[in-house]
């Protein structure tokens, strides 16, 4: 939308569709797990919420965040590898 490739209305429609498909599949982070991850990394608590959820679900976290990639090479993979 910022690059002028889609309209605001189209962006809102896409966001609504994504939210509708994801409804019921939310996985909130575990605060204790986030704090444990924070104790052993330099990542922000916000970013560690994603790491925590990925660890709990046993899935890879695809990210462009270099700090996460360095701190959690067993869990995180670079976005470029999938784009």
C-alpha atoms as a PDB file:
ATOM      1  CA  UNK A   1       0.000   0.000   0.000  1.00  0.00           C
ATOM      2  CA  UNK A   2       2.836   2.402   0.858  1.00  0.00           C
ATOM      3  CA  UNK A   3       4.415   1.756  -2.538  1.00  0.00           C
ATOM      4  CA  UNK A   4       1.129   2.332  -4.321  1.00  0.00           C
ATOM      5  CA  UNK A   5       0.794  -1.301  -5.399  1.00  0.00           C
ATOM      6  CA  UNK A   6      -2.608  -1.799  -3.740  1.00  0.00           C
ATOM      7  CA  UNK A   7      -5.273   0.549  -2.445  1.00  0.00           C
ATOM      8  CA  UNK A   8      -6.068   1.066   1.219  1.00  0.00           C
ATOM      9  CA  UNK A   9      -9.400  -0.628   0.644  1.00  0.00           C
ATOM     10  CA  UNK A  10      -7.685  -3.687  -0.880  1.00  0.00           C
ATOM     11  CA  UNK A  11      -5.192  -3.777   2.008  1.00  0.00           C
ATOM     12  CA  UNK A  12      -8.055  -3.706   4.509  1.00  0.00           C
ATOM     13  CA  UNK A  13      -9.805  -6.530   2.644  1.00  0.00           C
ATOM     14  CA  UNK A  14      -6.634  -8.650   2.630  1.00  0.00           C
ATOM     15  CA  UNK A  15      -6.090  -8.016   6.348  1.00  0.00           C
ATOM     16  CA  UNK A  16      -9.705  -8.969   7.090  1.00  0.00           C
ATOM     17  CA  UNK A  17      -9.354 -12.207   5.097  1.00  0.00           C
ATOM     18  CA  UNK A  18      -6.126 -13.112   6.895  1.00  0.00           C
ATOM     19  CA  UNK A  19      -7.645 -12.405  10.315  1.00  0.00           C
ATOM     20  CA  UNK A  20     -10.725 -14.456   9.452  1.00  0.00           C
ATOM     21  CA  UNK A  21      -8.610 -17.440   8.399  1.00  0.00           C
ATOM     22  CA  UNK A  22      -6.450 -17.229  11.525  1.00  0.00           C
ATOM     23  CA  UNK A  23      -9.339 -16.863  13.981  1.00  0.00           C
ATOM     24  CA  UNK A  24      -9.184 -19.612  16.575  1.00  0.00           C
ATOM     25  CA  UNK A  25      -5.505 -20.332  15.876  1.00  0.00           C
ATOM     26  CA  UNK A  26      -4.018 -17.645  18.085  1.00  0.00           C
ATOM     27  CA  UNK A  27      -1.089 -18.640  20.291  1.00  0.00           C
ATOM     28  CA  UNK A  28      -0.342 -16.010  22.926  1.00  0.00           C
ATOM     29  CA  UNK A  29       3.189 -15.971  24.316  1.00  0.00           C
ATOM     30  CA  UNK A  30       4.069 -17.397  27.722  1.00  0.00           C
ATOM     31  CA  UNK A  31       5.509 -14.544  29.818  1.00  0.00           C
ATOM     32  CA  UNK A  32       7.791 -16.843  31.831  1.00  0.00           C
ATOM     33  CA  UNK A  33       9.207 -18.348  28.635  1.00  0.00           C
ATOM     34  CA  UNK A  34       9.786 -14.876  27.170  1.00  0.00           C
ATOM     35  CA  UNK A  35      11.630 -13.768  30.304  1.00  0.00           C
ATOM     36  CA  UNK A  36      13.764 -16.928  30.279  1.00  0.00           C
ATOM     37  CA  UNK A  37      14.705 -16.227  26.647  1.00  0.00           C
ATOM     38  CA  UNK A  38      15.458 -12.597  27.513  1.00  0.00           C
ATOM     39  CA  UNK A  39      17.854 -13.715  30.245  1.00  0.00           C
ATOM     40  CA  UNK A  40      20.001 -15.492  27.664  1.00  0.00           C
ATOM     41  CA  UNK A  41      19.834 -13.120  24.692  1.00  0.00           C
ATOM     42  CA  UNK A  42      20.026  -9.469  23.665  1.00  0.00           C
ATOM     43  CA  UNK A  43      16.684  -9.589  21.873  1.00  0.00           C
ATOM     44  CA  UNK A  44      13.732  -7.424  22.811  1.00  0.00           C
ATOM     45  CA  UNK A  45      10.908  -8.986  24.790  1.00  0.00           C
ATOM     46  CA  UNK A  46       8.592  -8.148  21.877  1.00  0.00           C
ATOM     47  CA  UNK A  47      10.705 -10.205  19.446  1.00  0.00           C
ATOM     48  CA  UNK A  48      11.120 -12.983  21.970  1.00  0.00           C
ATOM     49  CA  UNK A  49       7.367 -13.440  22.072  1.00  0.00           C
ATOM     50  CA  UNK A  50       7.652 -14.833  18.538  1.00  0.00           C
ATOM     51  CA  UNK A  51      10.577 -17.078  19.497  1.00  0.00           C
ATOM     52  CA  UNK A  52       8.641 -18.343  22.516  1.00  0.00           C
ATOM     53  CA  UNK A  53       5.582 -19.238  20.464  1.00  0.00           C
ATOM     54  CA  UNK A  54       7.717 -20.940  17.795  1.00  0.00           C
ATOM     55  CA  UNK A  55       9.464 -22.996  20.466  1.00  0.00           C
ATOM     56  CA  UNK A  56       6.191 -23.986  22.101  1.00  0.00           C
ATOM     57  CA  UNK A  57       4.731 -25.053  18.742  1.00  0.00           C
ATOM     58  CA  UNK A  58       7.950 -26.772  17.670  1.00  0.00           C
ATOM     59  CA  UNK A  59       8.175 -24.820  14.418  1.00  0.00           C
ATOM     60  CA  UNK A  60      10.824 -22.678  12.759  1.00  0.00           C
ATOM     61  CA  UNK A  61      10.599 -18.907  13.048  1.00  0.00           C
ATOM     62  CA  UNK A  62      11.206 -17.238   9.702  1.00  0.00           C
ATOM     63  CA  UNK A  63      12.492 -13.715  10.289  1.00  0.00           C
ATOM     64  CA  UNK A  64      14.582 -10.898   8.951  1.00  0.00           C
ATOM     65  CA  UNK A  65      15.746  -9.952  12.446  1.00  0.00           C
ATOM     66  CA  UNK A  66      19.498 -10.570  12.571  1.00  0.00           C
ATOM     67  CA  UNK A  67      19.620 -10.517  16.371  1.00  0.00           C
ATOM     68  CA  UNK A  68      17.093 -13.352  16.588  1.00  0.00           C
ATOM     69  CA  UNK A  69      18.884 -15.280  13.841  1.00  0.00           C
ATOM     70  CA  UNK A  70      22.179 -15.077  15.741  1.00  0.00           C
ATOM     71  CA  UNK A  71      20.708 -15.831  19.166  1.00  0.00           C
ATOM     72  CA  UNK A  72      18.459 -18.723  18.095  1.00  0.00           C
ATOM     73  CA  UNK A  73      20.009 -20.494  15.104  1.00  0.00           C
ATOM     74  CA  UNK A  74      18.254 -23.733  16.090  1.00  0.00           C
ATOM     75  CA  UNK A  75      14.828 -22.073  15.887  1.00  0.00           C
ATOM     76  CA  UNK A  76      15.135 -19.139  13.466  1.00  0.00           C
ATOM     77  CA  UNK A  77      15.732 -19.106   9.710  1.00  0.00           C
ATOM     78  CA  UNK A  78      16.308 -16.081   7.483  1.00  0.00           C
ATOM     79  CA  UNK A  79      13.374 -14.774   5.494  1.00  0.00           C
ATOM     80  CA  UNK A  80      15.555 -14.698   2.367  1.00  0.00           C
ATOM     81  CA  UNK A  81      15.766 -18.490   2.440  1.00  0.00           C
ATOM     82  CA  UNK A  82      11.991 -18.658   1.872  1.00  0.00           C
ATOM     83  CA  UNK A  83      11.313 -15.601  -0.275  1.00  0.00           C
END
